[in-house]
């Protein structure tokens, strides 16, 4: 299978943001993380290895933006 280029990946991530917005309107907050993660997991096999960190950080940002996860708190 051919992996996505970075620009294709960014378009796909924008689509995931749009899906996350719909999911956030339709599901209770407790179910958001699992639903968004499921959508992201369905796309992950198309991500090139060198874009994996970018993909995961963008998915985390999407989850945070829609309240699916709490921000990390550093306890020093």
Protein backbone atom coordinates (compact mmCIF):
# COMPACT_ATOMS: atom_id res chain seq x y z
CA UNK A 1 0.00 0.00 0.00
CA UNK A 2 1.19 3.49 -0.82
CA UNK A 3 1.50 5.81 2.13
CA UNK A 4 0.17 9.34 2.18
CA UNK A 5 2.25 12.38 1.38
CA UNK A 6 2.42 15.03 4.12
CA UNK A 7 -0.07 17.25 2.29
CA UNK A 8 -2.46 14.31 1.85
CA UNK A 9 -2.03 13.48 5.53
CA UNK A 10 -2.81 17.07 6.51
CA UNK A 11 -5.98 16.94 4.40
CA UNK A 12 -6.93 13.68 6.08
CA UNK A 13 -6.31 15.23 9.50
CA UNK A 14 -8.58 18.15 8.58
CA UNK A 15 -11.24 15.59 7.73
CA UNK A 16 -10.65 13.95 11.12
CA UNK A 17 -11.13 17.36 12.79
CA UNK A 18 -14.44 17.73 10.96
CA UNK A 19 -15.48 14.23 12.04
CA UNK A 20 -14.45 14.99 15.61
CA UNK A 21 -16.70 18.05 15.57
CA UNK A 22 -19.63 15.91 14.46
CA UNK A 23 -18.78 13.24 17.03
CA UNK A 24 -18.61 15.88 19.78
CA UNK A 25 -22.12 17.06 18.88
CA UNK A 26 -23.55 13.54 18.81
CA UNK A 27 -21.90 11.66 21.67
CA UNK A 28 -21.55 12.21 25.40
CA UNK A 29 -18.18 13.54 26.55
CA UNK A 30 -17.29 10.20 28.12
CA UNK A 31 -17.39 8.51 24.70
CA UNK A 32 -15.46 11.10 22.68
CA UNK A 33 -11.93 9.76 23.18
CA UNK A 34 -12.84 6.23 22.11
CA UNK A 35 -14.81 7.41 19.09
CA UNK A 36 -12.12 9.80 17.84
CA UNK A 37 -9.38 7.24 18.52
CA UNK A 38 -11.34 4.69 16.50
CA UNK A 39 -11.54 7.05 13.55
CA UNK A 40 -7.82 7.82 13.81
CA UNK A 41 -6.92 4.15 14.08
CA UNK A 42 -8.76 3.45 10.84
CA UNK A 43 -6.45 5.95 9.10
CA UNK A 44 -3.18 5.07 10.80
CA UNK A 45 -2.16 2.27 8.41
CA UNK A 46 -1.94 4.85 5.61
CA UNK A 47 0.55 7.06 7.49
CA UNK A 48 4.21 6.83 6.45
CA UNK A 49 6.63 5.91 9.23
CA UNK A 50 8.38 9.28 9.02
CA UNK A 51 5.01 11.04 9.58
CA UNK A 52 3.91 8.89 12.50
CA UNK A 53 4.91 11.40 15.20
CA UNK A 54 3.16 14.21 13.31
CA UNK A 55 0.02 12.10 12.96
CA UNK A 56 -0.07 11.15 16.63
CA UNK A 57 0.56 14.68 17.87
CA UNK A 58 -2.17 16.05 15.59
CA UNK A 59 -4.65 13.40 16.74
CA UNK A 60 -3.80 14.28 20.36
CA UNK A 61 -4.37 17.98 19.56
CA UNK A 62 -7.73 17.17 17.98
CA UNK A 63 -8.77 15.15 21.02
CA UNK A 64 -7.71 17.96 23.33
CA UNK A 65 -9.51 20.60 21.24
CA UNK A 66 -12.81 18.73 21.48
CA UNK A 67 -12.49 17.88 25.16
CA UNK A 68 -11.99 14.17 24.59
CA UNK A 69 -8.93 14.19 26.85
CA UNK A 70 -7.71 16.45 29.63
CA UNK A 71 -4.52 18.48 29.18
CA UNK A 72 -1.44 16.88 30.68
CA UNK A 73 -0.33 18.44 33.92
CA UNK A 74 3.36 18.27 34.72
CA UNK A 75 3.96 17.44 38.35
CA UNK A 76 7.49 18.39 39.18
